[in-house]
Amino acid sequence: MSDIPRLDEEALAELQDVMEDEFDVLIETYLADSRTRISGLKEAIAEGDPEHLRKAAHSLKGSCTNIGVPKLGNLCFELEVLGREGRLDGAEAIMAAIEQEFEEVKRQLERFSQ
């Protein structure tokens, strides 16, 4: 897992070129949306709802892929698989890793967009 990059700088640079002045808005929107989706993941785990977990993890994984944060996307995929299998064992540990990774991604994206 450690060989998966935190940021896909090439993809981010391409988005920055395409979005121009709107790139900062895109980053802010992604971060706000991700916070909401992370809350949904935590809620699904707390409620013991693997289907909700699967859907929420899939959604956040897609956002991560689109913005260029593959390591966080991979962690979301792990939760998605658990949900698809109807399991929650190990979900809290993955959730903790997602929250930690999101904080790192947030810091790096904020630096990238300056």
PDB file of N, CA and C in Angstrom:
ATOM      1  N   MET A   1       0.819  -1.196   0.000  1.00  0.00           N
ATOM      2  CA  MET A   1       0.000   0.000   0.000  1.00  0.00           C
ATOM      3  C   MET A   1       0.856   1.251   0.000  1.00  0.00           C
ATOM      4  N   SER A   2       2.041   1.184   0.629  1.00  0.00           N
ATOM      5  CA  SER A   2       2.870   2.377   0.750  1.00  0.00           C
ATOM      6  C   SER A   2       3.400   2.848  -0.602  1.00  0.00           C
ATOM      7  N   ASP A   3       3.361   1.988  -1.633  1.00  0.00           N
ATOM      8  CA  ASP A   3       3.838   2.403  -2.937  1.00  0.00           C
ATOM      9  C   ASP A   3       2.788   3.177  -3.730  1.00  0.00           C
ATOM     10  N   ILE A   4       1.594   3.266  -3.217  1.00  0.00           N
ATOM     11  CA  ILE A   4       0.544   4.052  -3.867  1.00  0.00           C
ATOM     12  C   ILE A   4       0.753   5.515  -3.477  1.00  0.00           C
ATOM     13  N   PRO A   5       0.864   6.394  -4.471  1.00  0.00           N
ATOM     14  CA  PRO A   5       1.122   7.804  -4.131  1.00  0.00           C
ATOM     15  C   PRO A   5      -0.074   8.470  -3.459  1.00  0.00           C
ATOM     16  N   ARG A   6       0.247   9.420  -2.607  1.00  0.00           N
ATOM     17  CA  ARG A   6      -0.798  10.188  -1.932  1.00  0.00           C
ATOM     18  C   ARG A   6      -1.516  11.073  -2.952  1.00  0.00           C
ATOM     19  N   LEU A   7      -0.729  11.779  -3.766  1.00  0.00           N
ATOM     20  CA  LEU A   7      -1.292  12.652  -4.803  1.00  0.00           C
ATOM     21  C   LEU A   7      -0.765  12.225  -6.162  1.00  0.00           C
ATOM     22  N   ASP A   8      -1.632  12.261  -7.141  1.00  0.00           N
ATOM     23  CA  ASP A   8      -1.223  12.072  -8.530  1.00  0.00           C
ATOM     24  C   ASP A   8      -0.976  13.476  -9.075  1.00  0.00           C
ATOM     25  N   GLU A   9       0.261  13.927  -8.920  1.00  0.00           N
ATOM     26  CA  GLU A   9       0.577  15.318  -9.249  1.00  0.00           C
ATOM     27  C   GLU A   9       0.374  15.624 -10.724  1.00  0.00           C
ATOM     28  N   GLU A  10       0.576  14.631 -11.572  1.00  0.00           N
ATOM     29  CA  GLU A  10       0.348  14.830 -13.008  1.00  0.00           C
ATOM     30  C   GLU A  10      -1.134  15.092 -13.278  1.00  0.00           C
ATOM     31  N   ALA A  11      -1.996  14.297 -12.677  1.00  0.00           N
ATOM     32  CA  ALA A  11      -3.446  14.486 -12.856  1.00  0.00           C
ATOM     33  C   ALA A  11      -3.886  15.829 -12.282  1.00  0.00           C
ATOM     34  N   LEU A  12      -3.333  16.189 -11.117  1.00  0.00           N
ATOM     35  CA  LEU A  12      -3.679  17.478 -10.506  1.00  0.00           C
ATOM     36  C   LEU A  12      -3.215  18.647 -11.365  1.00  0.00           C
ATOM     37  N   ALA A  13      -2.020  18.545 -11.934  1.00  0.00           N
ATOM     38  CA  ALA A  13      -1.507  19.608 -12.798  1.00  0.00           C
ATOM     39  C   ALA A  13      -2.388  19.752 -14.038  1.00  0.00           C
ATOM     40  N   GLU A  14      -2.851  18.636 -14.563  1.00  0.00           N
ATOM     41  CA  GLU A  14      -3.741  18.674 -15.715  1.00  0.00           C
ATOM     42  C   GLU A  14      -5.074  19.336 -15.359  1.00  0.00           C
ATOM     43  N   LEU A  15      -5.616  18.965 -14.206  1.00  0.00           N
ATOM     44  CA  LEU A  15      -6.859  19.603 -13.744  1.00  0.00           C
ATOM     45  C   LEU A  15      -6.654  21.101 -13.548  1.00  0.00           C
ATOM     46  N   GLN A  16      -5.498  21.463 -13.006  1.00  0.00           N
ATOM     47  CA  GLN A  16      -5.192  22.873 -12.768  1.00  0.00           C
ATOM     48  C   GLN A  16      -5.147  23.634 -14.095  1.00  0.00           C
ATOM     49  N   ASP A  17      -4.551  23.015 -15.106  1.00  0.00           N
ATOM     50  CA  ASP A  17      -4.501  23.648 -16.432  1.00  0.00           C
ATOM     51  C   ASP A  17      -5.890  23.821 -17.018  1.00  0.00           C
ATOM     52  N   VAL A  18      -6.701  22.790 -16.899  1.00  0.00           N
ATOM     53  CA  VAL A  18      -8.048  22.818 -17.473  1.00  0.00           C
ATOM     54  C   VAL A  18      -8.957  23.781 -16.703  1.00  0.00           C
ATOM     55  N   MET A  19      -8.889  23.734 -15.386  1.00  0.00           N
ATOM     56  CA  MET A  19      -9.803  24.517 -14.541  1.00  0.00           C
ATOM     57  C   MET A  19      -9.368  25.985 -14.391  1.00  0.00           C
ATOM     58  N   GLU A  20      -8.093  26.238 -14.588  1.00  0.00           N
ATOM     59  CA  GLU A  20      -7.523  27.574 -14.446  1.00  0.00           C
ATOM     60  C   GLU A  20      -7.923  28.212 -13.123  1.00  0.00           C
ATOM     61  N   ASP A  21      -8.628  29.334 -13.162  1.00  0.00           N
ATOM     62  CA  ASP A  21      -8.987  30.078 -11.949  1.00  0.00           C
ATOM     63  C   ASP A  21      -9.972  29.326 -11.056  1.00  0.00           C
ATOM     64  N   GLU A  22     -10.647  28.340 -11.599  1.00  0.00           N
ATOM     65  CA  GLU A  22     -11.635  27.585 -10.832  1.00  0.00           C
ATOM     66  C   GLU A  22     -11.022  26.393 -10.091  1.00  0.00           C
ATOM     67  N   PHE A  23      -9.721  26.180 -10.255  1.00  0.00           N
ATOM     68  CA  PHE A  23      -9.075  25.034  -9.616  1.00  0.00           C
ATOM     69  C   PHE A  23      -9.217  25.081  -8.096  1.00  0.00           C
ATOM     70  N   ASP A  24      -9.015  26.250  -7.503  1.00  0.00           N
ATOM     71  CA  ASP A  24      -9.136  26.371  -6.051  1.00  0.00           C
ATOM     72  C   ASP A  24     -10.548  26.030  -5.579  1.00  0.00           C
ATOM     73  N   VAL A  25     -11.532  26.429  -6.363  1.00  0.00           N
ATOM     74  CA  VAL A  25     -12.927  26.110  -6.030  1.00  0.00           C
ATOM     75  C   VAL A  25     -13.139  24.593  -6.102  1.00  0.00           C
ATOM     76  N   LEU A  26     -12.542  23.964  -7.106  1.00  0.00           N
ATOM     77  CA  LEU A  26     -12.642  22.512  -7.248  1.00  0.00           C
ATOM     78  C   LEU A  26     -12.056  21.812  -6.017  1.00  0.00           C
ATOM     79  N   ILE A  27     -10.890  22.258  -5.575  1.00  0.00           N
ATOM     80  CA  ILE A  27     -10.242  21.655  -4.404  1.00  0.00           C
ATOM     81  C   ILE A  27     -11.106  21.865  -3.158  1.00  0.00           C
ATOM     82  N   GLU A  28     -11.597  23.081  -2.965  1.00  0.00           N
ATOM     83  CA  GLU A  28     -12.451  23.369  -1.803  1.00  0.00           C
ATOM     84  C   GLU A  28     -13.710  22.504  -1.827  1.00  0.00           C
ATOM     85  N   THR A  29     -14.296  22.347  -2.994  1.00  0.00           N
ATOM     86  CA  THR A  29     -15.504  21.534  -3.137  1.00  0.00           C
ATOM     87  C   THR A  29     -15.202  20.073  -2.834  1.00  0.00           C
ATOM     88  N   TYR A  30     -14.098  19.577  -3.362  1.00  0.00           N
ATOM     89  CA  TYR A  30     -13.707  18.191  -3.088  1.00  0.00           C
ATOM     90  C   TYR A  30     -13.515  17.972  -1.587  1.00  0.00           C
ATOM     91  N   LEU A  31     -12.815  18.877  -0.928  1.00  0.00           N
ATOM     92  CA  LEU A  31     -12.547  18.721   0.506  1.00  0.00           C
ATOM     93  C   LEU A  31     -13.837  18.758   1.322  1.00  0.00           C
ATOM     94  N   ALA A  32     -14.727  19.693   1.005  1.00  0.00           N
ATOM     95  CA  ALA A  32     -16.001  19.784   1.734  1.00  0.00           C
ATOM     96  C   ALA A  32     -16.851  18.538   1.492  1.00  0.00           C
ATOM     97  N   ASP A  33     -16.911  18.114   0.243  1.00  0.00           N
ATOM     98  CA  ASP A  33     -17.683  16.924  -0.114  1.00  0.00           C
ATOM     99  C   ASP A  33     -17.109  15.681   0.571  1.00  0.00           C
ATOM    100  N   SER A  34     -15.789  15.604   0.617  1.00  0.00           N
ATOM    101  CA  SER A  34     -15.143  14.449   1.248  1.00  0.00           C
ATOM    102  C   SER A  34     -15.447  14.385   2.735  1.00  0.00           C
ATOM    103  N   ARG A  35     -15.465  15.530   3.396  1.00  0.00           N
ATOM    104  CA  ARG A  35     -15.816  15.547   4.828  1.00  0.00           C
ATOM    105  C   ARG A  35     -17.206  14.950   5.029  1.00  0.00           C
ATOM    106  N   THR A  36     -18.140  15.341   4.187  1.00  0.00           N
ATOM    107  CA  THR A  36     -19.513  14.837   4.273  1.00  0.00           C
ATOM    108  C   THR A  36     -19.533  13.333   4.027  1.00  0.00           C
ATOM    109  N   ARG A  37     -18.802  12.891   3.028  1.00  0.00           N
ATOM    110  CA  ARG A  37     -18.778  11.459   2.692  1.00  0.00           C
ATOM    111  C   ARG A  37     -18.105  10.641   3.797  1.00  0.00           C
ATOM    112  N   ILE A  38     -17.070  11.195   4.412  1.00  0.00           N
ATOM    113  CA  ILE A  38     -16.405  10.509   5.528  1.00  0.00           C
ATOM    114  C   ILE A  38     -17.375  10.365   6.695  1.00  0.00           C
ATOM    115  N   SER A  39     -18.163  11.391   6.933  1.00  0.00           N
ATOM    116  CA  SER A  39     -19.200  11.287   7.978  1.00  0.00           C
ATOM    117  C   SER A  39     -20.175  10.167   7.651  1.00  0.00           C
ATOM    118  N   GLY A  40     -20.528  10.034   6.387  1.00  0.00           N
ATOM    119  CA  GLY A  40     -21.419   8.954   5.961  1.00  0.00           C
ATOM    120  C   GLY A  40     -20.810   7.578   6.185  1.00  0.00           C
ATOM    121  N   LEU A  41     -19.506   7.463   5.945  1.00  0.00           N
ATOM    122  CA  LEU A  41     -18.822   6.189   6.202  1.00  0.00           C
ATOM    123  C   LEU A  41     -18.884   5.842   7.686  1.00  0.00           C
ATOM    124  N   LYS A  42     -18.584   6.829   8.523  1.00  0.00           N
ATOM    125  CA  LYS A  42     -18.601   6.601   9.970  1.00  0.00           C
ATOM    126  C   LYS A  42     -20.008   6.230  10.443  1.00  0.00           C
ATOM    127  N   GLU A  43     -20.991   6.876   9.885  1.00  0.00           N
ATOM    128  CA  GLU A  43     -22.386   6.585  10.230  1.00  0.00           C
ATOM    129  C   GLU A  43     -22.742   5.146   9.854  1.00  0.00           C
ATOM    130  N   ALA A  44     -22.337   4.726   8.655  1.00  0.00           N
ATOM    131  CA  ALA A  44     -22.632   3.359   8.201  1.00  0.00           C
ATOM    132  C   ALA A  44     -21.987   2.327   9.124  1.00  0.00           C
ATOM    133  N   ILE A  45     -20.767   2.590   9.551  1.00  0.00           N
ATOM    134  CA  ILE A  45     -20.079   1.666  10.461  1.00  0.00           C
ATOM    135  C   ILE A  45     -20.793   1.639  11.810  1.00  0.00           C
ATOM    136  N   ALA A  46     -21.128   2.824  12.325  1.00  0.00           N
ATOM    137  CA  ALA A  46     -21.805   2.911  13.624  1.00  0.00           C
ATOM    138  C   ALA A  46     -23.158   2.195  13.601  1.00  0.00           C
ATOM    139  N   GLU A  47     -23.852   2.280  12.468  1.00  0.00           N
ATOM    140  CA  GLU A  47     -25.173   1.650  12.337  1.00  0.00           C
ATOM    141  C   GLU A  47     -25.070   0.171  11.977  1.00  0.00           C
ATOM    142  N   GLY A  48     -23.866  -0.296  11.678  1.00  0.00           N
ATOM    143  CA  GLY A  48     -23.703  -1.694  11.278  1.00  0.00           C
ATOM    144  C   GLY A  48     -24.372  -1.996   9.953  1.00  0.00           C
ATOM    145  N   ASP A  49     -24.277  -1.049   9.000  1.00  0.00           N
ATOM    146  CA  ASP A  49     -24.977  -1.154   7.718  1.00  0.00           C
ATOM    147  C   ASP A  49     -23.980  -1.325   6.569  1.00  0.00           C
ATOM    148  N   PRO A  50     -23.664  -2.579   6.198  1.00  0.00           N
ATOM    149  CA  PRO A  50     -22.666  -2.798   5.145  1.00  0.00           C
ATOM    150  C   PRO A  50     -23.061  -2.235   3.780  1.00  0.00           C
ATOM    151  N   GLU A  51     -24.342  -2.229   3.449  1.00  0.00           N
ATOM    152  CA  GLU A  51     -24.765  -1.708   2.142  1.00  0.00           C
ATOM    153  C   GLU A  51     -24.559  -0.195   2.073  1.00  0.00           C
ATOM    154  N   HIS A  52     -24.899   0.500   3.138  1.00  0.00           N
ATOM    155  CA  HIS A  52     -24.658   1.945   3.208  1.00  0.00           C
ATOM    156  C   HIS A  52     -23.155   2.206   3.128  1.00  0.00           C
ATOM    157  N   LEU A  53     -22.368   1.375   3.810  1.00  0.00           N
ATOM    158  CA  LEU A  53     -20.918   1.505   3.775  1.00  0.00           C
ATOM    159  C   LEU A  53     -20.406   1.331   2.349  1.00  0.00           C
ATOM    160  N   ARG A  54     -20.888   0.324   1.667  1.00  0.00           N
ATOM    161  CA  ARG A  54     -20.460   0.059   0.284  1.00  0.00           C
ATOM    162  C   ARG A  54     -20.724   1.263  -0.609  1.00  0.00           C
ATOM    163  N   LYS A  55     -21.940   1.782  -0.527  1.00  0.00           N
ATOM    164  CA  LYS A  55     -22.322   2.916  -1.382  1.00  0.00           C
ATOM    165  C   LYS A  55     -21.511   4.167  -1.053  1.00  0.00           C
ATOM    166  N   ALA A  56     -21.362   4.460   0.228  1.00  0.00           N
ATOM    167  CA  ALA A  56     -20.629   5.657   0.636  1.00  0.00           C
ATOM    168  C   ALA A  56     -19.153   5.542   0.259  1.00  0.00           C
ATOM    169  N   ALA A  57     -18.581   4.360   0.458  1.00  0.00           N
ATOM    170  CA  ALA A  57     -17.170   4.156   0.119  1.00  0.00           C
ATOM    171  C   ALA A  57     -16.954   4.249  -1.386  1.00  0.00           C
ATOM    172  N   HIS A  58     -17.870   3.687  -2.156  1.00  0.00           N
ATOM    173  CA  HIS A  58     -17.776   3.751  -3.613  1.00  0.00           C
ATOM    174  C   HIS A  58     -17.817   5.199  -4.094  1.00  0.00           C
ATOM    175  N   SER A  59     -18.693   5.965  -3.515  1.00  0.00           N
ATOM    176  CA  SER A  59     -18.851   7.365  -3.893  1.00  0.00           C
ATOM    177  C   SER A  59     -17.585   8.175  -3.593  1.00  0.00           C
ATOM    178  N   LEU A  60     -17.043   8.006  -2.396  1.00  0.00           N
ATOM    179  CA  LEU A  60     -15.823   8.733  -2.035  1.00  0.00           C
ATOM    180  C   LEU A  60     -14.646   8.253  -2.879  1.00  0.00           C
ATOM    181  N   LYS A  61     -14.590   6.966  -3.153  1.00  0.00           N
ATOM    182  CA  LYS A  61     -13.517   6.422  -4.002  1.00  0.00           C
ATOM    183  C   LYS A  61     -13.534   7.110  -5.370  1.00  0.00           C
ATOM    184  N   GLY A  62     -14.711   7.283  -5.931  1.00  0.00           N
ATOM    185  CA  GLY A  62     -14.828   7.945  -7.234  1.00  0.00           C
ATOM    186  C   GLY A  62     -14.337   9.380  -7.196  1.00  0.00           C
ATOM    187  N   SER A  63     -14.685  10.101  -6.148  1.00  0.00           N
ATOM    188  CA  SER A  63     -14.217  11.483  -5.998  1.00  0.00           C
ATOM    189  C   SER A  63     -12.700  11.533  -5.900  1.00  0.00           C
ATOM    190  N   CYS A  64     -12.146  10.603  -5.142  1.00  0.00           N
ATOM    191  CA  CYS A  64     -10.687  10.552  -4.972  1.00  0.00           C
ATOM    192  C   CYS A  64      -9.993  10.272  -6.302  1.00  0.00           C
ATOM    193  N   THR A  65     -10.562   9.360  -7.069  1.00  0.00           N
ATOM    194  CA  THR A  65      -9.997   9.027  -8.372  1.00  0.00           C
ATOM    195  C   THR A  65     -10.045  10.233  -9.297  1.00  0.00           C
ATOM    196  N   ASN A  66     -11.167  10.928  -9.303  1.00  0.00           N
ATOM    197  CA  ASN A  66     -11.339  12.084 -10.189  1.00  0.00           C
ATOM    198  C   ASN A  66     -10.395  13.230  -9.856  1.00  0.00           C
ATOM    199  N   ILE A  67     -10.123  13.431  -8.584  1.00  0.00           N
ATOM    200  CA  ILE A  67      -9.306  14.577  -8.183  1.00  0.00           C
ATOM    201  C   ILE A  67      -7.813  14.232  -8.193  1.00  0.00           C
ATOM    202  N   GLY A  68      -7.476  12.951  -8.133  1.00  0.00           N
ATOM    203  CA  GLY A  68      -6.070  12.551  -8.182  1.00  0.00           C
ATOM    204  C   GLY A  68      -5.459  12.257  -6.824  1.00  0.00           C
ATOM    205  N   VAL A  69      -6.220  11.553  -5.965  1.00  0.00           N
ATOM    206  CA  VAL A  69      -5.680  11.129  -4.661  1.00  0.00           C
ATOM    207  C   VAL A  69      -5.849   9.604  -4.535  1.00  0.00           C
ATOM    208  N   PRO A  70      -4.951   8.863  -5.194  1.00  0.00           N
ATOM    209  CA  PRO A  70      -5.124   7.404  -5.299  1.00  0.00           C
ATOM    210  C   PRO A  70      -5.000   6.627  -3.993  1.00  0.00           C
ATOM    211  N   LYS A  71      -4.156   7.057  -3.073  1.00  0.00           N
ATOM    212  CA  LYS A  71      -3.999   6.290  -1.838  1.00  0.00           C
ATOM    213  C   LYS A  71      -5.289   6.314  -1.018  1.00  0.00           C
ATOM    214  N   LEU A  72      -5.913   7.478  -0.912  1.00  0.00           N
ATOM    215  CA  LEU A  72      -7.187   7.588  -0.203  1.00  0.00           C
ATOM    216  C   LEU A  72      -8.264   6.792  -0.937  1.00  0.00           C
ATOM    217  N   GLY A  73      -8.249   6.854  -2.247  1.00  0.00           N
ATOM    218  CA  GLY A  73      -9.201   6.086  -3.045  1.00  0.00           C
ATOM    219  C   GLY A  73      -9.063   4.588  -2.805  1.00  0.00           C
ATOM    220  N   ASN A  74      -7.830   4.120  -2.657  1.00  0.00           N
ATOM    221  CA  ASN A  74      -7.591   2.706  -2.408  1.00  0.00           C
ATOM    222  C   ASN A  74      -8.133   2.282  -1.044  1.00  0.00           C
ATOM    223  N   LEU A  75      -7.966   3.141  -0.041  1.00  0.00           N
ATOM    224  CA  LEU A  75      -8.531   2.841   1.282  1.00  0.00           C
ATOM    225  C   LEU A  75     -10.056   2.761   1.205  1.00  0.00           C
ATOM    226  N   CYS A  76     -10.652   3.656   0.446  1.00  0.00           N
ATOM    227  CA  CYS A  76     -12.114   3.618   0.265  1.00  0.00           C
ATOM    228  C   CYS A  76     -12.543   2.321  -0.418  1.00  0.00           C
ATOM    229  N   PHE A  77     -11.733   1.878  -1.378  1.00  0.00           N
ATOM    230  CA  PHE A  77     -12.027   0.618  -2.050  1.00  0.00           C
ATOM    231  C   PHE A  77     -12.043  -0.539  -1.059  1.00  0.00           C
ATOM    232  N   GLU A  78     -11.121  -0.511  -0.097  1.00  0.00           N
ATOM    233  CA  GLU A  78     -11.099  -1.570   0.922  1.00  0.00           C
ATOM    234  C   GLU A  78     -12.412  -1.609   1.704  1.00  0.00           C
ATOM    235  N   LEU A  79     -12.929  -0.425   2.056  1.00  0.00           N
ATOM    236  CA  LEU A  79     -14.225  -0.387   2.758  1.00  0.00           C
ATOM    237  C   LEU A  79     -15.355  -0.835   1.839  1.00  0.00           C
ATOM    238  N   GLU A  80     -15.275  -0.436   0.578  1.00  0.00           N
ATOM    239  CA  GLU A  80     -16.302  -0.834  -0.390  1.00  0.00           C
ATOM    240  C   GLU A  80     -16.374  -2.363  -0.491  1.00  0.00           C
ATOM    241  N   VAL A  81     -15.224  -3.008  -0.532  1.00  0.00           N
ATOM    242  CA  VAL A  81     -15.184  -4.474  -0.613  1.00  0.00           C
ATOM    243  C   VAL A  81     -15.823  -5.097   0.628  1.00  0.00           C
ATOM    244  N   LEU A  82     -15.486  -4.570   1.803  1.00  0.00           N
ATOM    245  CA  LEU A  82     -16.115  -5.090   3.030  1.00  0.00           C
ATOM    246  C   LEU A  82     -17.635  -4.975   2.934  1.00  0.00           C
ATOM    247  N   GLY A  83     -18.102  -3.799   2.536  1.00  0.00           N
ATOM    248  CA  GLY A  83     -19.544  -3.597   2.422  1.00  0.00           C
ATOM    249  C   GLY A  83     -20.178  -4.543   1.418  1.00  0.00           C
ATOM    250  N   ARG A  84     -19.509  -4.736   0.283  1.00  0.00           N
ATOM    251  CA  ARG A  84     -20.030  -5.633  -0.758  1.00  0.00           C
ATOM    252  C   ARG A  84     -20.132  -7.056  -0.236  1.00  0.00           C
ATOM    253  N   GLU A  85     -19.176  -7.429   0.617  1.00  0.00           N
ATOM    254  CA  GLU A  85     -19.180  -8.779   1.197  1.00  0.00           C
ATOM    255  C   GLU A  85     -20.109  -8.890   2.400  1.00  0.00           C
ATOM    256  N   GLY A  86     -20.750  -7.759   2.771  1.00  0.00           N
ATOM    257  CA  GLY A  86     -21.672  -7.775   3.904  1.00  0.00           C
ATOM    258  C   GLY A  86     -20.962  -7.865   5.242  1.00  0.00           C
ATOM    259  N   ARG A  87     -19.714  -7.426   5.282  1.00  0.00           N
ATOM    260  CA  ARG A  87     -18.910  -7.520   6.498  1.00  0.00           C
ATOM    261  C   ARG A  87     -18.538  -6.133   6.999  1.00  0.00           C
ATOM    262  N   LEU A  88     -18.303  -6.048   8.290  1.00  0.00           N
ATOM    263  CA  LEU A  88     -17.821  -4.800   8.881  1.00  0.00           C
ATOM    264  C   LEU A  88     -16.554  -5.021   9.701  1.00  0.00           C
ATOM    265  N   ASP A  89     -16.097  -6.282   9.824  1.00  0.00           N
ATOM    266  CA  ASP A  89     -14.888  -6.558  10.598  1.00  0.00           C
ATOM    267  C   ASP A  89     -13.691  -5.882   9.925  1.00  0.00           C
ATOM    268  N   GLY A  90     -12.991  -5.106  10.709  1.00  0.00           N
ATOM    269  CA  GLY A  90     -11.852  -4.357  10.185  1.00  0.00           C
ATOM    270  C   GLY A  90     -12.202  -2.975   9.669  1.00  0.00           C
ATOM    271  N   ALA A  91     -13.501  -2.664   9.593  1.00  0.00           N
ATOM    272  CA  ALA A  91     -13.931  -1.380   9.033  1.00  0.00           C
ATOM    273  C   ALA A  91     -13.446  -0.196   9.866  1.00  0.00           C
ATOM    274  N   GLU A  92     -13.445  -0.336  11.173  1.00  0.00           N
ATOM    275  CA  GLU A  92     -13.021   0.783  12.020  1.00  0.00           C
ATOM    276  C   GLU A  92     -11.546   1.110  11.816  1.00  0.00           C
ATOM    277  N   ALA A  93     -10.714   0.098  11.647  1.00  0.00           N
ATOM    278  CA  ALA A  93      -9.284   0.329  11.409  1.00  0.00           C
ATOM    279  C   ALA A  93      -9.067   1.025  10.060  1.00  0.00           C
ATOM    280  N   ILE A  94      -9.785   0.581   9.052  1.00  0.00           N
ATOM    281  CA  ILE A  94      -9.677   1.218   7.731  1.00  0.00           C
ATOM    282  C   ILE A  94     -10.198   2.648   7.813  1.00  0.00           C
ATOM    283  N   MET A  95     -11.283   2.835   8.566  1.00  0.00           N
ATOM    284  CA  MET A  95     -11.847   4.183   8.727  1.00  0.00           C
ATOM    285  C   MET A  95     -10.831   5.111   9.376  1.00  0.00           C
ATOM    286  N   ALA A  96     -10.126   4.635  10.377  1.00  0.00           N
ATOM    287  CA  ALA A  96      -9.096   5.453  11.028  1.00  0.00           C
ATOM    288  C   ALA A  96      -8.001   5.826  10.026  1.00  0.00           C
ATOM    289  N   ALA A  97      -7.622   4.879   9.176  1.00  0.00           N
ATOM    290  CA  ALA A  97      -6.612   5.147   8.150  1.00  0.00           C
ATOM    291  C   ALA A  97      -7.128   6.164   7.134  1.00  0.00           C
ATOM    292  N   ILE A  98      -8.418   6.084   6.794  1.00  0.00           N
ATOM    293  CA  ILE A  98      -9.023   7.040   5.862  1.00  0.00           C
ATOM    294  C   ILE A  98      -8.989   8.451   6.457  1.00  0.00           C
ATOM    295  N   GLU A  99      -9.365   8.560   7.719  1.00  0.00           N
ATOM    296  CA  GLU A  99      -9.358   9.880   8.350  1.00  0.00           C
ATOM    297  C   GLU A  99      -7.956  10.470   8.415  1.00  0.00           C
ATOM    298  N   GLN A 100      -6.985   9.645   8.742  1.00  0.00           N
ATOM    299  CA  GLN A 100      -5.598  10.112   8.802  1.00  0.00           C
ATOM    300  C   GLN A 100      -5.110  10.509   7.406  1.00  0.00           C
ATOM    301  N   GLU A 101      -5.394   9.683   6.419  1.00  0.00           N
ATOM    302  CA  GLU A 101      -4.963   9.971   5.051  1.00  0.00           C
ATOM    303  C   GLU A 101      -5.641  11.233   4.527  1.00  0.00           C
ATOM    304  N   PHE A 102      -6.916  11.418   4.851  1.00  0.00           N
ATOM    305  CA  PHE A 102      -7.624  12.614   4.402  1.00  0.00           C
ATOM    306  C   PHE A 102      -6.958  13.876   4.944  1.00  0.00           C
ATOM    307  N   GLU A 103      -6.534  13.847   6.191  1.00  0.00           N
ATOM    308  CA  GLU A 103      -5.864  15.019   6.767  1.00  0.00           C
ATOM    309  C   GLU A 103      -4.575  15.337   6.015  1.00  0.00           C
ATOM    310  N   GLU A 104      -3.826  14.306   5.659  1.00  0.00           N
ATOM    311  CA  GLU A 104      -2.596  14.517   4.879  1.00  0.00           C
ATOM    312  C   GLU A 104      -2.918  15.037   3.481  1.00  0.00           C
ATOM    313  N   VAL A 105      -3.916  14.437   2.848  1.00  0.00           N
ATOM    314  CA  VAL A 105      -4.340  14.869   1.512  1.00  0.00           C
ATOM    315  C   VAL A 105      -4.774  16.331   1.555  1.00  0.00           C
ATOM    316  N   LYS A 106      -5.545  16.665   2.565  1.00  0.00           N
ATOM    317  CA  LYS A 106      -6.035  18.042   2.720  1.00  0.00           C
ATOM    318  C   LYS A 106      -4.863  19.019   2.777  1.00  0.00           C
ATOM    319  N   ARG A 107      -3.890  18.718   3.614  1.00  0.00           N
ATOM    320  CA  ARG A 107      -2.717  19.607   3.729  1.00  0.00           C
ATOM    321  C   ARG A 107      -1.996  19.744   2.387  1.00  0.00           C
ATOM    322  N   GLN A 108      -1.789  18.629   1.726  1.00  0.00           N
ATOM    323  CA  GLN A 108      -1.045  18.673   0.466  1.00  0.00           C
ATOM    324  C   GLN A 108      -1.833  19.348  -0.657  1.00  0.00           C
ATOM    325  N   LEU A 109      -3.135  19.110  -0.706  1.00  0.00           N
ATOM    326  CA  LEU A 109      -3.940  19.772  -1.732  1.00  0.00           C
ATOM    327  C   LEU A 109      -3.993  21.281  -1.512  1.00  0.00           C
ATOM    328  N   GLU A 110      -4.068  21.684  -0.253  1.00  0.00           N
ATOM    329  CA  GLU A 110      -4.085  23.117   0.033  1.00  0.00           C
ATOM    330  C   GLU A 110      -2.773  23.750  -0.401  1.00  0.00           C
ATOM    331  N   ARG A 111      -1.659  23.066  -0.218  1.00  0.00           N
ATOM    332  CA  ARG A 111      -0.359  23.574  -0.689  1.00  0.00           C
ATOM    333  C   ARG A 111      -0.298  23.583  -2.209  1.00  0.00           C
ATOM    334  N   PHE A 112      -0.823  22.512  -2.820  1.00  0.00           N
ATOM    335  CA  PHE A 112      -0.785  22.368  -4.278  1.00  0.00           C
ATOM    336  C   PHE A 112      -1.570  23.476  -4.960  1.00  0.00           C
ATOM    337  N   SER A 113      -2.666  23.885  -4.344  1.00  0.00           N
ATOM    338  CA  SER A 113      -3.547  24.862  -5.012  1.00  0.00           C
ATOM    339  C   SER A 113      -3.123  26.308  -4.763  1.00  0.00           C
ATOM    340  N   GLN A 114      -2.084  26.527  -3.959  1.00  0.00           N
ATOM    341  CA  GLN A 114      -1.657  27.907  -3.698  1.00  0.00           C
ATOM    342  C   GLN A 114      -0.829  28.454  -4.821  1.00  0.00           C
TER     343      GLN A 114
END
